[in-house]
Amino acid sequence: MLIGSPGSGKSTVGEALARRLGADLLCTDTEIERRAGKPIGDIFVEDGEEGFRALEREVVAEGLRSWEGVIAVGGGAILDEDTRKDLAVHHVVYLQVEFGEAAKRVGMDVARPLLAGNPRARLRKLLNERLPIYEALASVTVPTTEYHPEEIVDSIVESLPTGKAEK
């Protein structure tokens, strides 16, 4: 189970980790878009954040119940209390990224509706609000700033509990 802010590398690292483990990756944002039949930005515009969060909760809960591979959870999913309770019984890897690196990776990405307007200021606010939650949920924290995805995967694999499948 991978958590982290926008720009932390959840999708990239998730793909590399899944390959390393010979598993499949469930990227919850991708699954949300598939189910809704539209990009996340359009979901926010047409259904509002509440509609997006309800679908996100459903996708994350189903994934935690039944997915056998790696799960990369959208950055804001951890705001849901039920999701936090569900995550508490899993090995959760928090991909920690420094603000400057996250801002560089996210850039002016219009596909991230919560960063609309002033992306750097919005990103800083999101990071500050979510950081204590990410840290509290983490079984392990793995820094991603200035590391290659394969180095990050090495750290994650070393952290895996013996005999447990990664989620």
N, C-alpha and C. Protein backbone atom coordinates (compact mmCIF):
# COMPACT_ATOMS: atom_id res chain seq x y z
N MET A 1 0.84 -1.16 0.00
CA MET A 1 0.00 0.00 0.00
C MET A 1 0.90 1.23 0.00
N LEU A 2 0.75 2.06 -1.03
CA LEU A 2 1.55 3.27 -1.13
C LEU A 2 0.66 4.49 -0.92
N ILE A 3 1.10 5.38 -0.04
CA ILE A 3 0.41 6.65 0.17
C ILE A 3 1.42 7.77 0.01
N GLY A 4 0.92 8.97 -0.22
CA GLY A 4 1.80 10.12 -0.31
C GLY A 4 1.11 11.26 -1.04
N SER A 5 1.75 12.40 -1.01
CA SER A 5 1.18 13.60 -1.60
C SER A 5 1.25 13.54 -3.12
N PRO A 6 0.56 14.47 -3.79
CA PRO A 6 0.76 14.60 -5.23
C PRO A 6 2.24 14.84 -5.51
N GLY A 7 2.77 14.14 -6.51
CA GLY A 7 4.17 14.31 -6.87
C GLY A 7 5.14 13.46 -6.08
N SER A 8 4.64 12.60 -5.19
CA SER A 8 5.53 11.77 -4.38
C SER A 8 6.06 10.56 -5.14
N GLY A 9 5.39 10.22 -6.24
CA GLY A 9 5.86 9.09 -7.05
C GLY A 9 5.06 7.82 -6.88
N LYS A 10 3.85 7.92 -6.35
CA LYS A 10 3.06 6.71 -6.09
C LYS A 10 2.85 5.86 -7.34
N SER A 11 2.49 6.48 -8.45
CA SER A 11 2.24 5.72 -9.68
C SER A 11 3.53 5.13 -10.24
N THR A 12 4.56 5.94 -10.35
CA THR A 12 5.84 5.48 -10.91
C THR A 12 6.46 4.39 -10.05
N VAL A 13 6.52 4.65 -8.75
CA VAL A 13 7.10 3.66 -7.83
C VAL A 13 6.21 2.43 -7.74
N GLY A 14 4.89 2.65 -7.76
CA GLY A 14 3.96 1.52 -7.72
C GLY A 14 4.16 0.58 -8.88
N GLU A 15 4.35 1.13 -10.08
CA GLU A 15 4.61 0.29 -11.26
C GLU A 15 5.90 -0.49 -11.10
N ALA A 16 6.95 0.18 -10.66
CA ALA A 16 8.25 -0.48 -10.48
C ALA A 16 8.19 -1.54 -9.39
N LEU A 17 7.48 -1.24 -8.30
CA LEU A 17 7.34 -2.21 -7.20
C LEU A 17 6.54 -3.42 -7.66
N ALA A 18 5.47 -3.19 -8.37
CA ALA A 18 4.65 -4.31 -8.86
C ALA A 18 5.49 -5.22 -9.77
N ARG A 19 6.27 -4.61 -10.67
CA ARG A 19 7.16 -5.41 -11.54
C ARG A 19 8.12 -6.24 -10.71
N ARG A 20 8.74 -5.58 -9.72
CA ARG A 20 9.73 -6.28 -8.88
C ARG A 20 9.10 -7.46 -8.15
N LEU A 21 7.87 -7.29 -7.68
CA LEU A 21 7.21 -8.34 -6.91
C LEU A 21 6.46 -9.34 -7.79
N GLY A 22 6.42 -9.07 -9.09
CA GLY A 22 5.66 -9.96 -9.98
C GLY A 22 4.18 -9.86 -9.70
N ALA A 23 3.72 -8.68 -9.37
CA ALA A 23 2.32 -8.45 -8.98
C ALA A 23 1.71 -7.41 -9.91
N ASP A 24 0.43 -7.19 -9.73
CA ASP A 24 -0.27 -6.15 -10.48
C ASP A 24 -0.39 -4.91 -9.61
N LEU A 25 -0.56 -3.78 -10.28
CA LEU A 25 -0.73 -2.50 -9.59
C LEU A 25 -2.17 -2.03 -9.73
N LEU A 26 -2.75 -1.64 -8.63
CA LEU A 26 -4.03 -0.94 -8.64
C LEU A 26 -3.73 0.50 -8.27
N CYS A 27 -3.83 1.39 -9.26
CA CYS A 27 -3.71 2.82 -9.01
C CYS A 27 -5.14 3.31 -8.84
N THR A 28 -5.49 3.72 -7.63
CA THR A 28 -6.90 4.04 -7.37
C THR A 28 -7.40 5.20 -8.23
N ASP A 29 -6.55 6.18 -8.52
CA ASP A 29 -6.99 7.28 -9.38
C ASP A 29 -7.34 6.78 -10.79
N THR A 30 -6.54 5.87 -11.32
CA THR A 30 -6.82 5.31 -12.64
C THR A 30 -8.12 4.53 -12.63
N GLU A 31 -8.34 3.76 -11.58
CA GLU A 31 -9.57 2.98 -11.46
C GLU A 31 -10.79 3.88 -11.33
N ILE A 32 -10.65 4.97 -10.60
CA ILE A 32 -11.75 5.93 -10.46
C ILE A 32 -12.11 6.50 -11.83
N GLU A 33 -11.11 6.88 -12.60
CA GLU A 33 -11.36 7.42 -13.94
C GLU A 33 -12.04 6.37 -14.83
N ARG A 34 -11.59 5.13 -14.72
CA ARG A 34 -12.19 4.05 -15.52
C ARG A 34 -13.66 3.88 -15.18
N ARG A 35 -13.96 3.81 -13.89
CA ARG A 35 -15.35 3.62 -13.47
C ARG A 35 -16.25 4.79 -13.84
N ALA A 36 -15.71 5.99 -13.69
CA ALA A 36 -16.51 7.19 -13.97
C ALA A 36 -16.61 7.47 -15.47
N GLY A 37 -15.67 6.90 -16.24
CA GLY A 37 -15.65 7.14 -17.67
C GLY A 37 -15.20 8.54 -18.03
N LYS A 38 -14.45 9.16 -17.13
CA LYS A 38 -13.96 10.53 -17.39
C LYS A 38 -12.77 10.82 -16.48
N PRO A 39 -11.97 11.82 -16.85
CA PRO A 39 -10.81 12.19 -16.02
C PRO A 39 -11.24 12.76 -14.66
N ILE A 40 -10.34 12.67 -13.71
CA ILE A 40 -10.62 13.16 -12.36
C ILE A 40 -11.02 14.63 -12.38
N GLY A 41 -10.35 15.44 -13.20
CA GLY A 41 -10.71 16.86 -13.29
C GLY A 41 -12.17 17.05 -13.66
N ASP A 42 -12.66 16.22 -14.59
CA ASP A 42 -14.07 16.31 -15.00
C ASP A 42 -14.99 15.83 -13.89
N ILE A 43 -14.56 14.83 -13.13
CA ILE A 43 -15.38 14.36 -12.00
C ILE A 43 -15.57 15.50 -11.01
N PHE A 44 -14.48 16.20 -10.70
CA PHE A 44 -14.57 17.33 -9.77
C PHE A 44 -15.52 18.40 -10.29
N VAL A 45 -15.42 18.72 -11.57
CA VAL A 45 -16.26 19.77 -12.15
C VAL A 45 -17.73 19.33 -12.19
N GLU A 46 -17.98 18.12 -12.65
CA GLU A 46 -19.35 17.67 -12.88
C GLU A 46 -20.03 17.09 -11.64
N ASP A 47 -19.26 16.43 -10.77
CA ASP A 47 -19.85 15.75 -9.61
C ASP A 47 -19.42 16.36 -8.29
N GLY A 48 -18.47 17.28 -8.34
CA GLY A 48 -17.97 17.91 -7.13
C GLY A 48 -16.98 17.03 -6.40
N GLU A 49 -16.28 17.65 -5.45
CA GLU A 49 -15.31 16.88 -4.67
C GLU A 49 -16.00 15.77 -3.88
N GLU A 50 -17.20 16.05 -3.39
CA GLU A 50 -17.94 15.04 -2.62
C GLU A 50 -18.20 13.78 -3.46
N GLY A 51 -18.60 13.98 -4.72
CA GLY A 51 -18.83 12.84 -5.62
C GLY A 51 -17.56 12.07 -5.88
N PHE A 52 -16.47 12.81 -6.09
CA PHE A 52 -15.19 12.16 -6.30
C PHE A 52 -14.78 11.35 -5.07
N ARG A 53 -14.88 11.96 -3.89
CA ARG A 53 -14.45 11.28 -2.66
C ARG A 53 -15.28 10.03 -2.38
N ALA A 54 -16.56 10.04 -2.70
CA ALA A 54 -17.40 8.85 -2.50
C ALA A 54 -16.92 7.71 -3.39
N LEU A 55 -16.65 8.02 -4.65
CA LEU A 55 -16.14 7.00 -5.57
C LEU A 55 -14.75 6.54 -5.13
N GLU A 56 -13.93 7.46 -4.68
CA GLU A 56 -12.59 7.12 -4.20
C GLU A 56 -12.68 6.16 -3.01
N ARG A 57 -13.56 6.44 -2.09
CA ARG A 57 -13.73 5.59 -0.90
C ARG A 57 -14.12 4.17 -1.33
N GLU A 58 -15.04 4.08 -2.27
CA GLU A 58 -15.49 2.78 -2.76
C GLU A 58 -14.35 2.00 -3.40
N VAL A 59 -13.58 2.66 -4.25
CA VAL A 59 -12.47 2.01 -4.95
C VAL A 59 -11.40 1.56 -3.96
N VAL A 60 -11.04 2.42 -3.02
CA VAL A 60 -10.01 2.07 -2.04
C VAL A 60 -10.49 0.91 -1.15
N ALA A 61 -11.72 0.97 -0.67
CA ALA A 61 -12.24 -0.09 0.20
C ALA A 61 -12.25 -1.43 -0.52
N GLU A 62 -12.70 -1.44 -1.77
CA GLU A 62 -12.71 -2.68 -2.54
C GLU A 62 -11.29 -3.20 -2.76
N GLY A 63 -10.39 -2.29 -3.08
CA GLY A 63 -9.00 -2.70 -3.29
C GLY A 63 -8.39 -3.32 -2.04
N LEU A 64 -8.62 -2.70 -0.91
CA LEU A 64 -8.06 -3.21 0.34
C LEU A 64 -8.65 -4.58 0.71
N ARG A 65 -9.90 -4.80 0.34
CA ARG A 65 -10.54 -6.08 0.63
C ARG A 65 -10.06 -7.20 -0.29
N SER A 66 -9.82 -6.89 -1.57
CA SER A 66 -9.65 -7.98 -2.50
C SER A 66 -8.41 -7.95 -3.39
N TRP A 67 -7.70 -6.84 -3.48
CA TRP A 67 -6.57 -6.76 -4.38
C TRP A 67 -5.39 -7.51 -3.81
N GLU A 68 -4.74 -8.30 -4.64
CA GLU A 68 -3.61 -9.11 -4.18
C GLU A 68 -2.25 -8.47 -4.45
N GLY A 69 -2.21 -7.40 -5.23
CA GLY A 69 -0.95 -6.79 -5.60
C GLY A 69 -0.67 -5.51 -4.85
N VAL A 70 -0.02 -4.60 -5.53
CA VAL A 70 0.36 -3.30 -4.99
C VAL A 70 -0.78 -2.32 -5.21
N ILE A 71 -1.05 -1.49 -4.23
CA ILE A 71 -2.07 -0.46 -4.35
C ILE A 71 -1.43 0.91 -4.13
N ALA A 72 -1.64 1.80 -5.10
CA ALA A 72 -1.20 3.19 -4.98
C ALA A 72 -2.46 4.03 -4.77
N VAL A 73 -2.58 4.61 -3.59
CA VAL A 73 -3.78 5.33 -3.19
C VAL A 73 -3.63 6.81 -3.51
N GLY A 74 -4.66 7.40 -4.09
CA GLY A 74 -4.65 8.83 -4.36
C GLY A 74 -4.32 9.62 -3.10
N GLY A 75 -3.65 10.74 -3.27
CA GLY A 75 -3.14 11.52 -2.15
C GLY A 75 -4.15 11.94 -1.11
N GLY A 76 -5.40 12.18 -1.51
CA GLY A 76 -6.40 12.67 -0.58
C GLY A 76 -7.27 11.59 0.04
N ALA A 77 -7.10 10.34 -0.37
CA ALA A 77 -7.94 9.25 0.15
C ALA A 77 -7.82 9.12 1.67
N ILE A 78 -6.66 9.49 2.19
CA ILE A 78 -6.39 9.33 3.62
C ILE A 78 -7.20 10.31 4.47
N LEU A 79 -7.90 11.24 3.82
CA LEU A 79 -8.74 12.18 4.56
C LEU A 79 -10.00 11.52 5.09
N ASP A 80 -10.38 10.39 4.50
CA ASP A 80 -11.58 9.67 4.92
C ASP A 80 -11.28 8.82 6.16
N GLU A 81 -12.07 9.01 7.19
CA GLU A 81 -11.83 8.29 8.45
C GLU A 81 -11.92 6.78 8.28
N ASP A 82 -12.90 6.30 7.50
CA ASP A 82 -13.02 4.86 7.29
C ASP A 82 -11.82 4.31 6.53
N THR A 83 -11.32 5.06 5.58
CA THR A 83 -10.12 4.64 4.84
C THR A 83 -8.94 4.54 5.80
N ARG A 84 -8.81 5.51 6.69
CA ARG A 84 -7.70 5.45 7.66
C ARG A 84 -7.82 4.21 8.53
N LYS A 85 -9.03 3.87 8.96
CA LYS A 85 -9.23 2.67 9.77
C LYS A 85 -8.85 1.42 8.97
N ASP A 86 -9.26 1.38 7.71
CA ASP A 86 -8.94 0.24 6.85
C ASP A 86 -7.44 0.09 6.65
N LEU A 87 -6.75 1.21 6.46
CA LEU A 87 -5.30 1.19 6.23
C LEU A 87 -4.53 0.72 7.46
N ALA A 88 -5.10 0.91 8.62
CA ALA A 88 -4.39 0.61 9.88
C ALA A 88 -3.96 -0.85 9.99
N VAL A 89 -4.61 -1.74 9.26
CA VAL A 89 -4.27 -3.16 9.36
C VAL A 89 -3.39 -3.64 8.21
N HIS A 90 -2.86 -2.70 7.42
CA HIS A 90 -2.01 -3.03 6.27
C HIS A 90 -0.61 -2.45 6.45
N HIS A 91 0.31 -3.00 5.68
CA HIS A 91 1.66 -2.44 5.62
C HIS A 91 1.58 -1.23 4.69
N VAL A 92 1.73 -0.04 5.26
CA VAL A 92 1.55 1.20 4.51
C VAL A 92 2.90 1.89 4.36
N VAL A 93 3.24 2.16 3.10
CA VAL A 93 4.49 2.83 2.79
C VAL A 93 4.16 4.28 2.41
N TYR A 94 4.67 5.19 3.21
CA TYR A 94 4.49 6.62 2.93
C TYR A 94 5.66 7.08 2.09
N LEU A 95 5.38 7.49 0.86
CA LEU A 95 6.40 8.02 -0.02
C LEU A 95 6.53 9.51 0.27
N GLN A 96 7.59 9.87 0.96
CA GLN A 96 7.79 11.24 1.42
C GLN A 96 8.59 12.00 0.37
N VAL A 97 8.08 13.19 0.01
CA VAL A 97 8.76 14.02 -0.97
C VAL A 97 8.87 15.43 -0.43
N GLU A 98 10.01 16.06 -0.68
CA GLU A 98 10.21 17.44 -0.26
C GLU A 98 9.32 18.35 -1.11
N PHE A 99 8.88 19.46 -0.53
CA PHE A 99 7.97 20.36 -1.22
C PHE A 99 8.48 20.80 -2.59
N GLY A 100 9.73 21.23 -2.67
CA GLY A 100 10.28 21.71 -3.94
C GLY A 100 10.25 20.65 -5.02
N GLU A 101 10.55 19.42 -4.65
CA GLU A 101 10.52 18.32 -5.61
C GLU A 101 9.09 18.01 -6.03
N ALA A 102 8.16 18.00 -5.07
CA ALA A 102 6.76 17.75 -5.40
C ALA A 102 6.24 18.82 -6.35
N ALA A 103 6.57 20.07 -6.08
CA ALA A 103 6.13 21.18 -6.93
C ALA A 103 6.69 21.02 -8.34
N LYS A 104 7.94 20.60 -8.44
CA LYS A 104 8.57 20.41 -9.74
C LYS A 104 7.88 19.27 -10.50
N ARG A 105 7.59 18.17 -9.81
CA ARG A 105 6.96 17.02 -10.45
C ARG A 105 5.53 17.31 -10.87
N VAL A 106 4.80 18.02 -10.02
CA VAL A 106 3.39 18.32 -10.30
C VAL A 106 3.29 19.43 -11.33
N GLY A 107 4.15 20.43 -11.21
CA GLY A 107 4.16 21.54 -12.16
C GLY A 107 2.82 22.25 -12.19
N MET A 108 2.37 22.58 -13.36
CA MET A 108 1.11 23.28 -13.54
C MET A 108 0.05 22.31 -14.05
N ASP A 109 0.05 21.11 -13.53
CA ASP A 109 -0.81 20.04 -14.00
C ASP A 109 -2.28 20.36 -13.79
N VAL A 110 -3.00 20.64 -14.88
CA VAL A 110 -4.42 20.98 -14.78
C VAL A 110 -5.28 19.77 -14.45
N ALA A 111 -4.71 18.58 -14.54
CA ALA A 111 -5.47 17.37 -14.19
C ALA A 111 -5.59 17.22 -12.68
N ARG A 112 -5.01 18.10 -11.92
CA ARG A 112 -5.08 18.03 -10.46
C ARG A 112 -5.94 19.19 -9.97
N PRO A 113 -7.25 18.95 -9.88
CA PRO A 113 -8.18 20.04 -9.57
C PRO A 113 -7.94 20.71 -8.23
N LEU A 114 -7.41 20.00 -7.26
CA LEU A 114 -7.19 20.62 -5.95
C LEU A 114 -6.01 21.58 -5.96
N LEU A 115 -5.27 21.59 -7.07
CA LEU A 115 -4.14 22.51 -7.17
C LEU A 115 -4.44 23.68 -8.10
N ALA A 116 -5.70 23.80 -8.51
CA ALA A 116 -6.09 24.88 -9.43
C ALA A 116 -5.86 26.24 -8.77
N GLY A 117 -5.60 27.21 -9.61
CA GLY A 117 -5.37 28.57 -9.11
C GLY A 117 -3.89 28.82 -8.95
N ASN A 118 -3.40 28.66 -7.75
CA ASN A 118 -1.98 28.84 -7.45
C ASN A 118 -1.43 27.47 -7.02
N PRO A 119 -0.93 26.67 -7.98
CA PRO A 119 -0.54 25.29 -7.65
C PRO A 119 0.47 25.17 -6.52
N ARG A 120 1.49 26.05 -6.48
CA ARG A 120 2.51 25.94 -5.42
C ARG A 120 1.90 26.20 -4.05
N ALA A 121 1.10 27.24 -3.93
CA ALA A 121 0.48 27.55 -2.64
C ALA A 121 -0.50 26.46 -2.23
N ARG A 122 -1.29 25.97 -3.18
CA ARG A 122 -2.25 24.91 -2.88
C ARG A 122 -1.53 23.62 -2.47
N LEU A 123 -0.44 23.31 -3.18
CA LEU A 123 0.32 22.11 -2.85
C LEU A 123 0.90 22.22 -1.45
N ARG A 124 1.48 23.37 -1.12
CA ARG A 124 2.05 23.55 0.23
C ARG A 124 0.97 23.36 1.30
N LYS A 125 -0.21 23.92 1.06
CA LYS A 125 -1.32 23.79 2.01
C LYS A 125 -1.74 22.32 2.15
N LEU A 126 -1.86 21.61 1.02
CA LEU A 126 -2.22 20.18 1.07
C LEU A 126 -1.19 19.38 1.84
N LEU A 127 0.09 19.64 1.55
CA LEU A 127 1.15 18.91 2.24
C LEU A 127 1.10 19.15 3.74
N ASN A 128 0.94 20.40 4.14
CA ASN A 128 0.89 20.73 5.56
C ASN A 128 -0.30 20.08 6.25
N GLU A 129 -1.44 20.05 5.60
CA GLU A 129 -2.65 19.46 6.18
C GLU A 129 -2.55 17.94 6.28
N ARG A 130 -1.96 17.33 5.27
CA ARG A 130 -1.97 15.87 5.18
C ARG A 130 -0.77 15.20 5.82
N LEU A 131 0.33 15.92 5.99
CA LEU A 131 1.56 15.33 6.52
C LEU A 131 1.35 14.54 7.82
N PRO A 132 0.66 15.10 8.82
CA PRO A 132 0.49 14.32 10.05
C PRO A 132 -0.29 13.02 9.84
N ILE A 133 -1.21 13.03 8.89
CA ILE A 133 -1.99 11.82 8.61
C ILE A 133 -1.12 10.79 7.91
N TYR A 134 -0.37 11.22 6.89
CA TYR A 134 0.54 10.29 6.22
C TYR A 134 1.49 9.65 7.22
N GLU A 135 2.07 10.47 8.08
CA GLU A 135 3.05 9.96 9.05
C GLU A 135 2.41 9.00 10.04
N ALA A 136 1.19 9.30 10.47
CA ALA A 136 0.50 8.44 11.44
C ALA A 136 0.13 7.08 10.83
N LEU A 137 -0.20 7.06 9.56
CA LEU A 137 -0.61 5.83 8.90
C LEU A 137 0.56 4.95 8.48
N ALA A 138 1.73 5.53 8.36
CA ALA A 138 2.88 4.84 7.77
C ALA A 138 3.42 3.73 8.65
N SER A 139 3.57 2.55 8.05
CA SER A 139 4.35 1.49 8.67
C SER A 139 5.82 1.81 8.48
N VAL A 140 6.12 2.45 7.35
CA VAL A 140 7.48 2.87 7.02
C VAL A 140 7.39 4.11 6.14
N THR A 141 8.34 5.01 6.30
CA THR A 141 8.44 6.20 5.47
C THR A 141 9.67 6.06 4.58
N VAL A 142 9.46 6.25 3.29
CA VAL A 142 10.55 6.13 2.32
C VAL A 142 10.69 7.45 1.58
N PRO A 143 11.81 8.13 1.73
CA PRO A 143 12.02 9.38 1.00
C PRO A 143 12.15 9.11 -0.50
N THR A 144 11.59 10.03 -1.31
CA THR A 144 11.67 9.87 -2.75
C THR A 144 12.46 10.98 -3.44
N THR A 145 12.70 12.08 -2.74
CA THR A 145 13.42 13.19 -3.34
C THR A 145 14.85 12.77 -3.66
N GLU A 146 15.24 12.98 -4.91
CA GLU A 146 16.59 12.69 -5.40
C GLU A 146 16.93 11.20 -5.44
N TYR A 147 15.92 10.34 -5.39
CA TYR A 147 16.16 8.91 -5.52
C TYR A 147 15.52 8.39 -6.80
N HIS A 148 16.17 7.44 -7.42
CA HIS A 148 15.65 6.77 -8.61
C HIS A 148 14.56 5.81 -8.15
N PRO A 149 13.52 5.60 -8.96
CA PRO A 149 12.44 4.68 -8.55
C PRO A 149 12.94 3.30 -8.10
N GLU A 150 13.97 2.78 -8.75
CA GLU A 150 14.46 1.45 -8.35
C GLU A 150 15.10 1.48 -6.95
N GLU A 151 15.73 2.59 -6.60
CA GLU A 151 16.28 2.73 -5.24
C GLU A 151 15.16 2.79 -4.21
N ILE A 152 14.08 3.46 -4.57
CA ILE A 152 12.92 3.55 -3.68
C ILE A 152 12.30 2.17 -3.50
N VAL A 153 12.19 1.44 -4.60
CA VAL A 153 11.65 0.07 -4.54
C VAL A 153 12.54 -0.80 -3.65
N ASP A 154 13.85 -0.66 -3.76
CA ASP A 154 14.76 -1.42 -2.89
C ASP A 154 14.41 -1.18 -1.42
N SER A 155 14.21 0.09 -1.05
CA SER A 155 13.87 0.43 0.34
C SER A 155 12.54 -0.17 0.75
N ILE A 156 11.57 -0.13 -0.15
CA ILE A 156 10.25 -0.69 0.17
C ILE A 156 10.34 -2.19 0.36
N VAL A 157 11.00 -2.87 -0.55
CA VAL A 157 11.12 -4.34 -0.45
C VAL A 157 11.80 -4.73 0.85
N GLU A 158 12.83 -3.99 1.24
CA GLU A 158 13.51 -4.27 2.52
C GLU A 158 12.58 -4.10 3.71
N SER A 159 11.56 -3.23 3.57
CA SER A 159 10.66 -2.95 4.69
C SER A 159 9.50 -3.93 4.80
N LEU A 160 9.32 -4.78 3.79
CA LEU A 160 8.15 -5.65 3.79
C LEU A 160 8.22 -6.68 4.91
N PRO A 161 7.11 -6.86 5.61
CA PRO A 161 7.07 -7.89 6.64
C PRO A 161 7.26 -9.27 6.00
N THR A 162 8.02 -10.10 6.63
CA THR A 162 8.27 -11.45 6.13
C THR A 162 6.97 -12.23 6.05
N GLY A 163 6.74 -12.84 4.88
CA GLY A 163 5.57 -13.69 4.72
C GLY A 163 4.29 -12.95 4.41
N LYS A 164 4.33 -11.64 4.26
CA LYS A 164 3.12 -10.87 3.95
C LYS A 164 3.19 -10.34 2.53
N ALA A 165 2.07 -10.37 1.86
CA ALA A 165 2.00 -9.79 0.52
C ALA A 165 1.89 -8.27 0.66
N GLU A 166 2.53 -7.57 -0.25
CA GLU A 166 2.48 -6.10 -0.25
C GLU A 166 1.13 -5.62 -0.76
N LYS A 167 0.67 -4.57 -0.15
CA LYS A 167 -0.55 -3.90 -0.64
C LYS A 167 -0.27 -2.45 -0.77
